[in-house]
Amino acid sequence: MIQPLKTKVILQLIEKEKYTSTGIILTVTDREEANKGKVIAIGSDVLDIELHDIVLPDWNKAEKTKYEKEEYYIISQDDIVAIFRNTTP
């Protein structure tokens, strides 16, 4: 497993589905199209972000890497724009 240092966070893209005009489902894996990422690891100094949070990062500031054939993105907690949390009672 990858362990980020200090205020870094490791994300995985959340794949999004798009439909063509004929109804064919296309899976979008491009980071700009996918928008959101899932937090899979956090550094020791990260505040306000928890494992498994769904976040909206500034993808331009994320560093792409591969580990055991999986793609991950490393980003500073300061470059995460929003956290999507379920607040329904």
C-alpha atoms as a PDB file:
ATOM      1  CA  MET A   1       0.000   0.000   0.000  1.00  0.00           C
ATOM      2  CA  ILE A   2       1.153   3.551  -0.672  1.00  0.00           C
ATOM      3  CA  GLN A   3       1.417   5.798   2.381  1.00  0.00           C
ATOM      4  CA  PRO A   4       1.517   9.535   1.648  1.00  0.00           C
ATOM      5  CA  LEU A   5       3.679  11.853   3.740  1.00  0.00           C
ATOM      6  CA  LYS A   6       2.622  14.828   5.873  1.00  0.00           C
ATOM      7  CA  THR A   7      -0.302  16.700   4.220  1.00  0.00           C
ATOM      8  CA  LYS A   8      -0.578  14.558   1.090  1.00  0.00           C
ATOM      9  CA  VAL A   9      -3.631  12.511   0.113  1.00  0.00           C
ATOM     10  CA  ILE A  10      -3.886   9.590  -2.313  1.00  0.00           C
ATOM     11  CA  LEU A  11      -6.935   9.406  -4.557  1.00  0.00           C
ATOM     12  CA  GLN A  12      -8.442   6.996  -7.050  1.00  0.00           C
ATOM     13  CA  LEU A  13     -10.601   8.275  -9.876  1.00  0.00           C
ATOM     14  CA  ILE A  14     -14.300   7.628  -9.603  1.00  0.00           C
ATOM     15  CA  GLU A  15     -15.370   6.436 -13.019  1.00  0.00           C
ATOM     16  CA  LYS A  16     -18.350   8.163 -14.534  1.00  0.00           C
ATOM     17  CA  GLU A  17     -20.656   6.757 -17.186  1.00  0.00           C
ATOM     18  CA  LYS A  18     -21.718   8.701 -20.249  1.00  0.00           C
ATOM     19  CA  TYR A  19     -24.378   7.689 -22.714  1.00  0.00           C
ATOM     20  CA  THR A  20     -24.218   8.182 -26.466  1.00  0.00           C
ATOM     21  CA  SER A  21     -27.282   9.314 -28.417  1.00  0.00           C
ATOM     22  CA  THR A  22     -27.960   5.655 -29.251  1.00  0.00           C
ATOM     23  CA  GLY A  23     -27.835   4.608 -25.588  1.00  0.00           C
ATOM     24  CA  ILE A  24     -24.378   3.039 -25.536  1.00  0.00           C
ATOM     25  CA  ILE A  25     -22.707   3.389 -22.135  1.00  0.00           C
ATOM     26  CA  LEU A  26     -19.170   4.778 -22.175  1.00  0.00           C
ATOM     27  CA  THR A  27     -17.024   4.715 -19.057  1.00  0.00           C
ATOM     28  CA  VAL A  28     -15.085   7.946 -18.604  1.00  0.00           C
ATOM     29  CA  THR A  29     -11.698   7.599 -16.928  1.00  0.00           C
ATOM     30  CA  ASP A  30     -10.186  10.936 -17.948  1.00  0.00           C
ATOM     31  CA  ARG A  31      -9.528  12.870 -14.747  1.00  0.00           C
ATOM     32  CA  GLU A  32     -11.078  16.131 -15.992  1.00  0.00           C
ATOM     33  CA  GLU A  33     -14.253  14.321 -17.038  1.00  0.00           C
ATOM     34  CA  ALA A  34     -14.484  12.103 -13.970  1.00  0.00           C
ATOM     35  CA  ASN A  35     -14.364  15.105 -11.598  1.00  0.00           C
ATOM     36  CA  LYS A  36     -14.360  13.242  -8.291  1.00  0.00           C
ATOM     37  CA  GLY A  37     -11.858  11.065  -6.500  1.00  0.00           C
ATOM     38  CA  LYS A  38     -12.036   8.659  -3.577  1.00  0.00           C
ATOM     39  CA  VAL A  39      -9.552   9.086  -0.735  1.00  0.00           C
ATOM     40  CA  ILE A  40      -7.692   5.819  -0.184  1.00  0.00           C
ATOM     41  CA  ALA A  41      -4.832   7.022   2.050  1.00  0.00           C
ATOM     42  CA  ILE A  42      -3.964  10.152   4.021  1.00  0.00           C
ATOM     43  CA  GLY A  43      -0.741  11.550   5.440  1.00  0.00           C
ATOM     44  CA  SER A  44      -0.126  11.965   9.154  1.00  0.00           C
ATOM     45  CA  ASP A  45      -0.765  15.741   9.156  1.00  0.00           C
ATOM     46  CA  VAL A  46      -4.001  15.749   7.116  1.00  0.00           C
ATOM     47  CA  LEU A  47      -6.935  17.513   8.752  1.00  0.00           C
ATOM     48  CA  ASP A  48     -10.631  17.557   7.738  1.00  0.00           C
ATOM     49  CA  ILE A  49     -10.292  14.712   5.218  1.00  0.00           C
ATOM     50  CA  GLU A  50     -11.017  11.091   6.088  1.00  0.00           C
ATOM     51  CA  LEU A  51     -10.435   7.756   4.382  1.00  0.00           C
ATOM     52  CA  HIS A  52     -13.096   6.904   1.801  1.00  0.00           C
ATOM     53  CA  ASP A  53     -14.271  10.533   1.465  1.00  0.00           C
ATOM     54  CA  ILE A  54     -15.380  11.530  -2.022  1.00  0.00           C
ATOM     55  CA  VAL A  55     -13.591  14.741  -2.975  1.00  0.00           C
ATOM     56  CA  LEU A  56     -13.307  17.285  -5.756  1.00  0.00           C
ATOM     57  CA  PRO A  57      -9.576  17.928  -6.256  1.00  0.00           C
ATOM     58  CA  ASP A  58      -7.773  20.444  -8.430  1.00  0.00           C
ATOM     59  CA  TRP A  59      -6.625  17.776 -10.892  1.00  0.00           C
ATOM     60  CA  ASN A  60      -3.997  20.108 -12.367  1.00  0.00           C
ATOM     61  CA  LYS A  61      -2.079  19.874  -9.099  1.00  0.00           C
ATOM     62  CA  ALA A  62      -2.310  16.087  -8.716  1.00  0.00           C
ATOM     63  CA  GLU A  63       0.638  13.798  -9.434  1.00  0.00           C
ATOM     64  CA  LYS A  64      -0.304  10.577 -11.239  1.00  0.00           C
ATOM     65  CA  THR A  65       1.475   7.374 -10.252  1.00  0.00           C
ATOM     66  CA  LYS A  66       1.052   3.600 -10.645  1.00  0.00           C
ATOM     67  CA  TYR A  67       1.383   0.979  -7.948  1.00  0.00           C
ATOM     68  CA  GLU A  68       0.723  -2.730  -8.523  1.00  0.00           C
ATOM     69  CA  LYS A  69      -0.987  -1.996 -11.884  1.00  0.00           C
ATOM     70  CA  GLU A  70      -3.423   0.531 -10.344  1.00  0.00           C
ATOM     71  CA  GLU A  71      -3.399   4.269 -11.051  1.00  0.00           C
ATOM     72  CA  TYR A  72      -3.404   6.715  -8.155  1.00  0.00           C
ATOM     73  CA  TYR A  73      -3.174  10.466  -7.754  1.00  0.00           C
ATOM     74  CA  ILE A  74      -1.167  12.155  -5.007  1.00  0.00           C
ATOM     75  CA  ILE A  75      -2.291  15.634  -4.023  1.00  0.00           C
ATOM     76  CA  SER A  76      -1.859  18.070  -1.160  1.00  0.00           C
ATOM     77  CA  GLN A  77      -4.861  18.463   1.137  1.00  0.00           C
ATOM     78  CA  ASP A  78      -4.806  22.202   0.299  1.00  0.00           C
ATOM     79  CA  ASP A  79      -5.532  21.353  -3.358  1.00  0.00           C
ATOM     80  CA  ILE A  80      -8.778  19.557  -2.549  1.00  0.00           C
ATOM     81  CA  VAL A  81     -11.594  21.958  -3.358  1.00  0.00           C
ATOM     82  CA  ALA A  82     -14.588  20.172  -1.779  1.00  0.00           C
ATOM     83  CA  ILE A  83     -15.664  17.079   0.130  1.00  0.00           C
ATOM     84  CA  PHE A  84     -18.942  15.337  -0.694  1.00  0.00           C
ATOM     85  CA  ARG A  85     -20.500  13.997   2.488  1.00  0.00           C
ATOM     86  CA  ASN A  86     -23.908  12.465   3.015  1.00  0.00           C
ATOM     87  CA  THR A  87     -25.683  14.586   5.609  1.00  0.00           C
ATOM     88  CA  THR A  88     -29.186  13.145   5.341  1.00  0.00           C
ATOM     89  CA  PRO A  89     -30.644  12.102   8.729  1.00  0.00           C
END
